[in-house]
Structures are given as C-alpha cells and as structure tokens.
Amino acid sequence: MKPWMFAVILAACANTTGGDRFDFPLGIAGPVDFAAGQPFATDFADEVTLTKATVHVGGVYLNRSQPLSGAQAQACVMQGIYDAEMTDGADIDALSPTPQWRTARATSGQAVTAEVWLNGGDVNALDDETLVVDLAGTASQEGQAYPFVAQIHIGKNRLVPPSDPAQPGMNPPCKLRIVSPIAVDFDLAAGGKLLVRVDPRKWLQNIDFHQLPPPQGASNLYKIADDNNTTAGIHLFNDVRAREGVWTFSWQPAGN
C-alpha cells in the first residue's frame, strides 16, 4: 500500500464515525479444530492432508456500513466507511491455531462488514510478486494418491481483461486482492481485541485432483496452476478469496 493510501484510510477511520479512537490487539490464525497432517474430505477427494498452508495478509479492515450493490464498479478504498484497520502485513500459518498478533487502530462504533487484503505492496499495482498462498499436501481420490503443491500470486497472472474495451478500468487489480464484504456484527470499544481465523480446508473443496496434469520431470508432485487458464487454478484462487466460510471474525470485549 502506498503512503498516500494509508493516509486516506486513516483519515476515514478517524474522522467519519465520531467515536473514540483507540488501539487494540488483532490476531490472525488458522482454525482451532485443525492442524497439519489432520485428514479431511472435500467435494471431490476422499481424504486430504496438508503439510503446509500459509497465507500473506496485507491488511484487515472493519467497516461501519455495507458496500452498495454494484461494488465491482466502486473504488477499492472508500472514504467514510472504515471503523478499524490493520496495515502491518503478516505471513500466517493457517495450520496453526496460535494467533499472530498485530496492533490495529479503531474508532468506537458498530462494524457490519470486514475486508481482508491479500497484497504485499500497492494494492492497485498491475503486478505484485508477493507469495500470497503456499500450499502442500496429499489427496486421495478414488484410490489414487495425489501429492500436490500450489502457490498463488495476485499479479499480472490474474488480471482479467475488460469485456468492454471502452472501459479499460472495469477490472482493477485491487478488486482481485481484497476479500470483501465479509459479514460481521459487533461493537468496537477500547479494551477489546479481534481474532481473525482462516480455514485452509475450504480452499480445496472444489479441486478435482483427477483433472490436474501429471507430474513433470523427476518430480512426483501434482501442481495446481497459478493462473486463470485451468479449472483447478481458478477454483483455488476463488476459494481463498471467498467471502463466506473461509475467513471468520470474532470480537472479544474488554473483561471477557
């Protein structure tokens, strides 16, 4: 994120809700009921075990209003809706239930939606070489084993050409890097803390391992492509960015 963009968001958070300003702890972690090597089933695979599942979170934001319908046409940074922000990026082990804690800033008031930013630099940049997701494991589907790896970058490899040449900005890169809106409902007040959890099991629910190309060279690993040209690559990318079921937010008020 560019410094000017941080200033815009900070000003929105500080000046539009009319509440008290305060800092609070914000933790990000994997599920409490899941760990590396623990098997689970998906819509296609009988069993999947993960040995690696990391995700880079560039920022977390809480909003005091619901984005309007037709949000695809809106700017990625919208002045006047932010209740809270965390802009200190973190690489999260999604197989660990232990949170990584950061300091976030908020204005007291109700939060009704949240955003997770999956960027390493300027969210509007045409390219971003940040490794957003790094995934490894083994799947068993109809009796066949698929040791697999996958990575996600959200750069030029994910850009979507405009359907209308007269509107070249209709698919801005920032839209690909922001998971929004995620429904929440809690009141922000000094002394509280926020816990965000990400569930990597949901990332693989729609992967048909039978469709993956065979391993290349001496490797025995199946790869989920990091592009928009394969069904598996598209499903993984979309499910990491799903607004429901993947990212959960819980606010713990002071004294609890």
C-alpha atoms as a PDB file:
ATOM      1  CA  MET A   1       0.000   0.000   0.000  1.00  0.00           C
ATOM      2  CA  LYS A   2       1.286   3.461  -0.866  1.00  0.00           C
ATOM      3  CA  PRO A   3       1.724   6.031   1.973  1.00  0.00           C
ATOM      4  CA  TRP A   4      -0.940   8.296   0.497  1.00  0.00           C
ATOM      5  CA  MET A   5      -3.428   5.433   0.541  1.00  0.00           C
ATOM      6  CA  PHE A   6      -2.678   4.703   4.190  1.00  0.00           C
ATOM      7  CA  ALA A   7      -3.324   8.362   4.950  1.00  0.00           C
ATOM      8  CA  VAL A   8      -6.677   8.261   3.170  1.00  0.00           C
ATOM      9  CA  ILE A   9      -7.846   5.213   5.094  1.00  0.00           C
ATOM     10  CA  LEU A  10      -6.530   6.543   8.392  1.00  0.00           C
ATOM     11  CA  ALA A  11      -8.368   9.802   7.860  1.00  0.00           C
ATOM     12  CA  ALA A  12     -11.560   7.949   7.031  1.00  0.00           C
ATOM     13  CA  CYS A  13     -11.247   5.833  10.150  1.00  0.00           C
ATOM     14  CA  ALA A  14     -10.523   8.841  12.339  1.00  0.00           C
ATOM     15  CA  ASN A  15     -12.906  11.483  11.115  1.00  0.00           C
ATOM     16  CA  THR A  16     -16.150   9.951   9.931  1.00  0.00           C
ATOM     17  CA  THR A  17     -17.660   7.891  12.714  1.00  0.00           C
ATOM     18  CA  GLY A  18     -17.461  10.400  15.560  1.00  0.00           C
ATOM     19  CA  GLY A  19     -16.364   7.849  18.166  1.00  0.00           C
ATOM     20  CA  ASP A  20     -13.309   7.497  20.385  1.00  0.00           C
ATOM     21  CA  ARG A  21     -10.001   6.473  18.827  1.00  0.00           C
ATOM     22  CA  PHE A  22      -8.077   3.560  20.345  1.00  0.00           C
ATOM     23  CA  ASP A  23      -5.559   0.829  19.547  1.00  0.00           C
ATOM     24  CA  PHE A  24      -6.383  -2.841  20.037  1.00  0.00           C
ATOM     25  CA  PRO A  25      -4.756  -6.286  19.524  1.00  0.00           C
ATOM     26  CA  LEU A  26      -5.661  -8.115  16.319  1.00  0.00           C
ATOM     27  CA  GLY A  27      -4.704 -11.773  15.956  1.00  0.00           C
ATOM     28  CA  ILE A  28      -4.782 -13.925  12.819  1.00  0.00           C
ATOM     29  CA  ALA A  29      -4.585 -17.741  12.891  1.00  0.00           C
ATOM     30  CA  GLY A  30      -5.840 -21.000  11.440  1.00  0.00           C
ATOM     31  CA  PRO A  31      -8.833 -22.948  12.796  1.00  0.00           C
ATOM     32  CA  VAL A  32      -8.909 -24.202  16.389  1.00  0.00           C
ATOM     33  CA  ASP A  33     -10.064 -27.671  15.297  1.00  0.00           C
ATOM     34  CA  PHE A  34      -7.473 -28.383  12.624  1.00  0.00           C
ATOM     35  CA  ALA A  35      -3.712 -28.967  12.354  1.00  0.00           C
ATOM     36  CA  ALA A  36      -1.032 -30.139   9.920  1.00  0.00           C
ATOM     37  CA  GLY A  37      -1.473 -33.779   8.947  1.00  0.00           C
ATOM     38  CA  GLN A  38      -5.097 -33.977  10.092  1.00  0.00           C
ATOM     39  CA  PRO A  39      -7.183 -35.559   7.288  1.00  0.00           C
ATOM     40  CA  PHE A  40     -10.373 -34.059   5.896  1.00  0.00           C
ATOM     41  CA  ALA A  41     -12.652 -34.734   2.943  1.00  0.00           C
ATOM     42  CA  THR A  42     -13.682 -32.400   0.145  1.00  0.00           C
ATOM     43  CA  ASP A  43     -16.376 -32.433  -2.520  1.00  0.00           C
ATOM     44  CA  PHE A  44     -14.040 -34.497  -4.730  1.00  0.00           C
ATOM     45  CA  ALA A  45     -11.311 -36.048  -2.569  1.00  0.00           C
ATOM     46  CA  ASP A  46     -11.938 -38.838  -0.088  1.00  0.00           C
ATOM     47  CA  GLU A  47      -9.106 -37.573   2.085  1.00  0.00           C
ATOM     48  CA  VAL A  48      -6.695 -34.632   2.068  1.00  0.00           C
ATOM     49  CA  THR A  49      -3.839 -33.951   4.449  1.00  0.00           C
ATOM     50  CA  LEU A  50      -1.962 -30.647   4.431  1.00  0.00           C
ATOM     51  CA  THR A  51       1.681 -30.236   5.394  1.00  0.00           C
ATOM     52  CA  LYS A  52       1.885 -26.544   4.508  1.00  0.00           C
ATOM     53  CA  ALA A  53      -0.708 -23.798   4.246  1.00  0.00           C
ATOM     54  CA  THR A  54       0.481 -20.220   4.582  1.00  0.00           C
ATOM     55  CA  VAL A  55      -1.265 -17.024   3.541  1.00  0.00           C
ATOM     56  CA  HIS A  56       0.049 -13.478   3.382  1.00  0.00           C
ATOM     57  CA  VAL A  57      -2.395 -10.953   4.816  1.00  0.00           C
ATOM     58  CA  GLY A  58      -1.538  -7.413   3.814  1.00  0.00           C
ATOM     59  CA  GLY A  59      -4.268  -5.710   5.818  1.00  0.00           C
ATOM     60  CA  VAL A  60      -7.536  -6.127   7.703  1.00  0.00           C
ATOM     61  CA  TYR A  61     -10.311  -3.529   7.767  1.00  0.00           C
ATOM     62  CA  LEU A  62     -13.634  -3.223   9.549  1.00  0.00           C
ATOM     63  CA  ASN A  63     -16.404  -1.146   8.034  1.00  0.00           C
ATOM     64  CA  ARG A  64     -19.301   0.711   9.579  1.00  0.00           C
ATOM     65  CA  SER A  65     -21.531   0.295   6.525  1.00  0.00           C
ATOM     66  CA  GLN A  66     -22.342  -2.278   3.891  1.00  0.00           C
ATOM     67  CA  PRO A  67     -20.832  -1.531   0.473  1.00  0.00           C
ATOM     68  CA  LEU A  68     -23.511  -0.668  -2.056  1.00  0.00           C
ATOM     69  CA  SER A  69     -24.676  -3.190  -4.607  1.00  0.00           C
ATOM     70  CA  GLY A  70     -22.598  -2.979  -7.741  1.00  0.00           C
ATOM     71  CA  ALA A  71     -19.450  -2.756  -5.628  1.00  0.00           C
ATOM     72  CA  GLN A  72     -17.375  -4.002  -8.554  1.00  0.00           C
ATOM     73  CA  ALA A  73     -17.671  -0.516 -10.018  1.00  0.00           C
ATOM     74  CA  GLN A  74     -16.670   1.217  -6.774  1.00  0.00           C
ATOM     75  CA  ALA A  75     -13.176   2.253  -5.772  1.00  0.00           C
ATOM     76  CA  CYS A  76     -11.276  -0.256  -3.642  1.00  0.00           C
ATOM     77  CA  VAL A  77     -10.650   2.371  -0.947  1.00  0.00           C
ATOM     78  CA  MET A  78     -13.883   4.062   0.067  1.00  0.00           C
ATOM     79  CA  GLN A  79     -13.646   7.091   2.327  1.00  0.00           C
ATOM     80  CA  GLY A  80     -16.071   7.298   5.192  1.00  0.00           C
ATOM     81  CA  ILE A  81     -16.818   3.646   5.901  1.00  0.00           C
ATOM     82  CA  TYR A  82     -13.826   2.391   7.918  1.00  0.00           C
ATOM     83  CA  ASP A  83     -14.126   1.622  11.635  1.00  0.00           C
ATOM     84  CA  ALA A  84     -10.783  -0.137  12.096  1.00  0.00           C
ATOM     85  CA  GLU A  85      -7.612  -1.029  10.244  1.00  0.00           C
ATOM     86  CA  MET A  86      -4.520  -3.201  10.486  1.00  0.00           C
ATOM     87  CA  THR A  87      -1.953  -2.480   7.771  1.00  0.00           C
ATOM     88  CA  ASP A  88       1.051  -4.355   9.174  1.00  0.00           C
ATOM     89  CA  GLY A  89       1.303  -7.344   6.812  1.00  0.00           C
ATOM     90  CA  ALA A  90       1.806 -10.862   8.166  1.00  0.00           C
ATOM     91  CA  ASP A  91       2.580 -14.339   6.828  1.00  0.00           C
ATOM     92  CA  ILE A  92       0.083 -16.593   8.586  1.00  0.00           C
ATOM     93  CA  ASP A  93       0.466 -20.323   9.230  1.00  0.00           C
ATOM     94  CA  ALA A  94      -3.093 -21.455   8.504  1.00  0.00           C
ATOM     95  CA  LEU A  95      -2.330 -24.835  10.096  1.00  0.00           C
ATOM     96  CA  SER A  96      -1.661 -23.263  13.493  1.00  0.00           C
ATOM     97  CA  PRO A  97      -4.425 -22.192  15.889  1.00  0.00           C
ATOM     98  CA  THR A  98      -1.999 -19.821  17.657  1.00  0.00           C
ATOM     99  CA  PRO A  99      -2.667 -16.230  16.546  1.00  0.00           C
ATOM    100  CA  GLN A 100      -0.051 -13.863  15.229  1.00  0.00           C
ATOM    101  CA  TRP A 101      -0.814 -10.588  16.962  1.00  0.00           C
ATOM    102  CA  ARG A 102      -0.622  -7.119  15.456  1.00  0.00           C
ATOM    103  CA  THR A 103      -1.685  -3.701  16.675  1.00  0.00           C
ATOM    104  CA  ALA A 104      -4.721  -2.254  14.938  1.00  0.00           C
ATOM    105  CA  ARG A 105      -6.431   1.124  15.242  1.00  0.00           C
ATOM    106  CA  ALA A 106     -10.154   1.723  15.528  1.00  0.00           C
ATOM    107  CA  THR A 107     -12.894   4.226  16.128  1.00  0.00           C
ATOM    108  CA  SER A 108     -15.598   3.100  18.533  1.00  0.00           C
ATOM    109  CA  GLY A 109     -18.844   2.065  16.900  1.00  0.00           C
ATOM    110  CA  GLN A 110     -20.554  -0.819  15.154  1.00  0.00           C
ATOM    111  CA  ALA A 111     -18.780  -2.874  12.496  1.00  0.00           C
ATOM    112  CA  VAL A 112     -21.021  -4.613   9.957  1.00  0.00           C
ATOM    113  CA  THR A 113     -18.569  -5.811   7.305  1.00  0.00           C
ATOM    114  CA  ALA A 114     -14.875  -6.683   7.114  1.00  0.00           C
ATOM    115  CA  GLU A 115     -12.178  -6.834   4.451  1.00  0.00           C
ATOM    116  CA  VAL A 116      -9.021  -8.947   4.159  1.00  0.00           C
ATOM    117  CA  TRP A 117      -6.357  -7.536   1.836  1.00  0.00           C
ATOM    118  CA  LEU A 118      -4.102 -10.070   0.107  1.00  0.00           C
ATOM    119  CA  ASN A 119      -1.394  -7.711  -1.113  1.00  0.00           C
ATOM    120  CA  GLY A 120       2.284  -7.148  -0.464  1.00  0.00           C
ATOM    121  CA  GLY A 121       2.723  -3.660  -1.910  1.00  0.00           C
ATOM    122  CA  ASP A 122       0.456  -1.152  -3.598  1.00  0.00           C
ATOM    123  CA  VAL A 123      -2.959  -2.789  -3.792  1.00  0.00           C
ATOM    124  CA  ASN A 124      -3.536  -1.025  -7.122  1.00  0.00           C
ATOM    125  CA  ALA A 125      -0.286  -2.155  -8.761  1.00  0.00           C
ATOM    126  CA  LEU A 126      -0.621  -4.050 -12.025  1.00  0.00           C
ATOM    127  CA  ASP A 127       1.852  -6.612 -10.730  1.00  0.00           C
ATOM    128  CA  ASP A 128       2.639  -7.949  -7.242  1.00  0.00           C
ATOM    129  CA  GLU A 129       5.241 -10.677  -6.746  1.00  0.00           C
ATOM    130  CA  THR A 130       4.158 -11.380  -3.151  1.00  0.00           C
ATOM    131  CA  LEU A 131       3.596 -15.078  -2.434  1.00  0.00           C
ATOM    132  CA  VAL A 132       0.039 -14.910  -1.123  1.00  0.00           C
ATOM    133  CA  VAL A 133      -0.618 -18.638  -0.632  1.00  0.00           C
ATOM    134  CA  ASP A 134       1.846 -21.525  -0.318  1.00  0.00           C
ATOM    135  CA  LEU A 135       0.206 -24.929  -0.085  1.00  0.00           C
ATOM    136  CA  ALA A 136       1.367 -28.554   0.028  1.00  0.00           C
ATOM    137  CA  GLY A 137      -0.199 -31.885   0.929  1.00  0.00           C
ATOM    138  CA  THR A 138      -1.534 -35.180  -0.345  1.00  0.00           C
ATOM    139  CA  ALA A 139      -5.006 -36.009  -1.596  1.00  0.00           C
ATOM    140  CA  SER A 140      -6.598 -39.396  -2.116  1.00  0.00           C
ATOM    141  CA  GLN A 141      -9.338 -39.544  -4.735  1.00  0.00           C
ATOM    142  CA  GLU A 142     -10.963 -42.803  -5.843  1.00  0.00           C
ATOM    143  CA  GLY A 143      -7.990 -44.823  -4.658  1.00  0.00           C
ATOM    144  CA  GLN A 144      -5.290 -42.698  -6.297  1.00  0.00           C
ATOM    145  CA  ALA A 145      -2.818 -40.601  -4.309  1.00  0.00           C
ATOM    146  CA  TYR A 146      -2.013 -37.065  -5.417  1.00  0.00           C
ATOM    147  CA  PRO A 147       0.905 -35.414  -3.620  1.00  0.00           C
ATOM    148  CA  PHE A 148       0.393 -31.779  -4.600  1.00  0.00           C
ATOM    149  CA  VAL A 149       1.689 -28.242  -4.263  1.00  0.00           C
ATOM    150  CA  ALA A 150       0.138 -24.900  -5.083  1.00  0.00           C
ATOM    151  CA  GLN A 151       1.081 -21.242  -4.906  1.00  0.00           C
ATOM    152  CA  ILE A 152      -0.902 -18.085  -5.502  1.00  0.00           C
ATOM    153  CA  HIS A 153       0.420 -14.712  -6.611  1.00  0.00           C
ATOM    154  CA  ILE A 154      -2.005 -11.920  -7.427  1.00  0.00           C
ATOM    155  CA  GLY A 155      -0.193 -10.048 -10.149  1.00  0.00           C
ATOM    156  CA  LYS A 156      -0.288  -9.926 -13.926  1.00  0.00           C
ATOM    157  CA  ASN A 157      -1.043 -13.649 -13.933  1.00  0.00           C
ATOM    158  CA  ARG A 158      -4.507 -12.921 -12.531  1.00  0.00           C
ATOM    159  CA  LEU A 159      -5.505  -9.797 -14.439  1.00  0.00           C
ATOM    160  CA  VAL A 160      -8.900 -10.007 -16.136  1.00  0.00           C
ATOM    161  CA  PRO A 161      -9.150  -8.211 -19.495  1.00  0.00           C
ATOM    162  CA  PRO A 162     -12.112  -5.810 -19.690  1.00  0.00           C
ATOM    163  CA  SER A 163     -15.108  -7.143 -21.568  1.00  0.00           C
ATOM    164  CA  ASP A 164     -15.678  -3.628 -22.913  1.00  0.00           C
ATOM    165  CA  PRO A 165     -12.562  -2.026 -24.485  1.00  0.00           C
ATOM    166  CA  ALA A 166     -14.134   1.377 -23.833  1.00  0.00           C
ATOM    167  CA  GLN A 167     -13.878   0.719 -20.068  1.00  0.00           C
ATOM    168  CA  PRO A 168     -10.258  -0.398 -19.503  1.00  0.00           C
ATOM    169  CA  GLY A 169     -10.526   0.139 -15.733  1.00  0.00           C
ATOM    170  CA  MET A 170     -13.579  -2.022 -15.119  1.00  0.00           C
ATOM    171  CA  ASN A 171     -11.498  -4.902 -13.630  1.00  0.00           C
ATOM    172  CA  PRO A 172      -8.912  -3.151 -11.437  1.00  0.00           C
ATOM    173  CA  PRO A 173      -6.214  -5.337  -9.818  1.00  0.00           C
ATOM    174  CA  CYS A 174      -7.204  -4.177  -6.337  1.00  0.00           C
ATOM    175  CA  LYS A 175     -10.532  -5.997  -6.656  1.00  0.00           C
ATOM    176  CA  LEU A 176      -8.646  -9.278  -7.017  1.00  0.00           C
ATOM    177  CA  ARG A 177      -6.644  -8.619  -3.828  1.00  0.00           C
ATOM    178  CA  ILE A 178      -9.479  -7.634  -1.478  1.00  0.00           C
ATOM    179  CA  VAL A 179     -11.843 -10.166   0.104  1.00  0.00           C
ATOM    180  CA  SER A 180     -14.994  -8.123   0.689  1.00  0.00           C
ATOM    181  CA  PRO A 181     -17.578  -7.804   2.078  1.00  0.00           C
ATOM    182  CA  ILE A 182     -17.281 -10.323   4.919  1.00  0.00           C
ATOM    183  CA  ALA A 183     -20.313 -10.086   7.208  1.00  0.00           C
ATOM    184  CA  VAL A 184     -19.635  -9.189  10.862  1.00  0.00           C
ATOM    185  CA  ASP A 185     -21.734  -7.655  13.606  1.00  0.00           C
ATOM    186  CA  PHE A 186     -20.107  -6.308  16.744  1.00  0.00           C
ATOM    187  CA  ASP A 187     -19.451  -3.057  18.588  1.00  0.00           C
ATOM    188  CA  LEU A 188     -15.883  -1.800  18.768  1.00  0.00           C
ATOM    189  CA  ALA A 189     -14.770  -0.331  22.074  1.00  0.00           C
ATOM    190  CA  ALA A 190     -11.490   0.280  23.862  1.00  0.00           C
ATOM    191  CA  GLY A 191     -10.099  -2.718  25.750  1.00  0.00           C
ATOM    192  CA  GLY A 192     -11.357  -5.297  23.271  1.00  0.00           C
ATOM    193  CA  LYS A 193      -9.470  -7.461  20.815  1.00  0.00           C
ATOM    194  CA  LEU A 194     -10.196  -9.030  17.450  1.00  0.00           C
ATOM    195  CA  LEU A 195      -9.429 -12.572  16.304  1.00  0.00           C
ATOM    196  CA  VAL A 196      -9.455 -13.467  12.600  1.00  0.00           C
ATOM    197  CA  ARG A 197      -9.272 -17.127  11.580  1.00  0.00           C
ATOM    198  CA  VAL A 198      -8.727 -18.603   8.127  1.00  0.00           C
ATOM    199  CA  ASP A 199      -9.690 -22.184   7.253  1.00  0.00           C
ATOM    200  CA  PRO A 200      -7.449 -23.732   4.546  1.00  0.00           C
ATOM    201  CA  ARG A 201      -9.720 -26.765   4.243  1.00  0.00           C
ATOM    202  CA  LYS A 202     -12.195 -24.572   2.390  1.00  0.00           C
ATOM    203  CA  TRP A 203      -9.587 -23.650  -0.230  1.00  0.00           C
ATOM    204  CA  LEU A 204      -9.610 -27.162  -1.693  1.00  0.00           C
ATOM    205  CA  GLN A 205     -13.287 -28.058  -1.623  1.00  0.00           C
ATOM    206  CA  ASN A 206     -13.740 -27.671  -5.394  1.00  0.00           C
ATOM    207  CA  ILE A 207     -10.472 -29.187  -6.628  1.00  0.00           C
ATOM    208  CA  ASP A 208     -10.926 -32.276  -8.809  1.00  0.00           C
ATOM    209  CA  PHE A 209      -7.482 -33.839  -8.474  1.00  0.00           C
ATOM    210  CA  HIS A 210      -8.189 -36.133 -11.443  1.00  0.00           C
ATOM    211  CA  GLN A 211      -8.035 -33.032 -13.652  1.00  0.00           C
ATOM    212  CA  LEU A 212      -4.520 -31.994 -12.592  1.00  0.00           C
ATOM    213  CA  PRO A 213      -1.794 -32.509 -15.217  1.00  0.00           C
ATOM    214  CA  PRO A 214       0.660 -35.317 -14.435  1.00  0.00           C
ATOM    215  CA  PRO A 215       3.943 -34.502 -12.644  1.00  0.00           C
ATOM    216  CA  GLN A 216       6.744 -33.203 -14.826  1.00  0.00           C
ATOM    217  CA  GLY A 217      10.343 -34.426 -14.926  1.00  0.00           C
ATOM    218  CA  ALA A 218      11.698 -36.189 -11.856  1.00  0.00           C
ATOM    219  CA  SER A 219       9.083 -34.662  -9.556  1.00  0.00           C
ATOM    220  CA  ASN A 220       6.173 -36.748  -8.303  1.00  0.00           C
ATOM    221  CA  LEU A 221       4.191 -33.638  -7.341  1.00  0.00           C
ATOM    222  CA  TYR A 222       0.966 -32.555  -8.952  1.00  0.00           C
ATOM    223  CA  LYS A 223       0.721 -28.775  -9.304  1.00  0.00           C
ATOM    224  CA  ILE A 224      -2.348 -26.562  -9.134  1.00  0.00           C
ATOM    225  CA  ALA A 225      -1.560 -23.843 -11.667  1.00  0.00           C
ATOM    226  CA  ASP A 226      -1.130 -20.245 -10.549  1.00  0.00           C
ATOM    227  CA  ASP A 227      -3.205 -18.730 -13.347  1.00  0.00           C
ATOM    228  CA  ASN A 228      -6.680 -18.284 -14.792  1.00  0.00           C
ATOM    229  CA  ASN A 229      -6.185 -20.889 -17.501  1.00  0.00           C
ATOM    230  CA  THR A 230      -7.123 -24.060 -15.592  1.00  0.00           C
ATOM    231  CA  THR A 231     -10.239 -25.047 -13.711  1.00  0.00           C
ATOM    232  CA  ALA A 232      -8.278 -26.057 -10.595  1.00  0.00           C
ATOM    233  CA  GLY A 233      -6.291 -22.812 -10.597  1.00  0.00           C
ATOM    234  CA  ILE A 234      -9.463 -20.750 -10.841  1.00  0.00           C
ATOM    235  CA  HIS A 235     -11.234 -22.710  -8.092  1.00  0.00           C
ATOM    236  CA  LEU A 236      -8.316 -22.408  -5.671  1.00  0.00           C
ATOM    237  CA  PHE A 237      -7.959 -18.683  -6.312  1.00  0.00           C
ATOM    238  CA  ASN A 238     -11.677 -18.026  -5.884  1.00  0.00           C
ATOM    239  CA  ASP A 239     -11.997 -20.135  -2.739  1.00  0.00           C
ATOM    240  CA  VAL A 240      -9.059 -18.438  -0.993  1.00  0.00           C
ATOM    241  CA  ARG A 241     -10.954 -15.199  -1.637  1.00  0.00           C
ATOM    242  CA  ALA A 242     -14.403 -16.495  -0.673  1.00  0.00           C
ATOM    243  CA  ARG A 243     -16.452 -14.066   1.410  1.00  0.00           C
ATOM    244  CA  GLU A 244     -18.180 -16.844   3.386  1.00  0.00           C
ATOM    245  CA  GLY A 245     -16.807 -19.854   5.222  1.00  0.00           C
ATOM    246  CA  VAL A 246     -13.084 -19.128   4.838  1.00  0.00           C
ATOM    247  CA  TRP A 247     -12.496 -16.013   6.937  1.00  0.00           C
ATOM    248  CA  THR A 248     -14.186 -15.580  10.329  1.00  0.00           C
ATOM    249  CA  PHE A 249     -14.028 -12.575  12.664  1.00  0.00           C
ATOM    250  CA  SER A 250     -14.777 -12.537  16.394  1.00  0.00           C
ATOM    251  CA  TRP A 251     -14.568  -9.527  18.717  1.00  0.00           C
ATOM    252  CA  GLN A 252     -13.819 -10.062  22.405  1.00  0.00           C
ATOM    253  CA  PRO A 253     -14.906  -7.062  24.526  1.00  0.00           C
ATOM    254  CA  ALA A 254     -12.892  -5.862  27.480  1.00  0.00           C
ATOM    255  CA  GLY A 255     -13.244  -8.086  30.552  1.00  0.00           C
ATOM    256  CA  ASN A 256     -14.102 -11.242  28.585  1.00  0.00           C
END
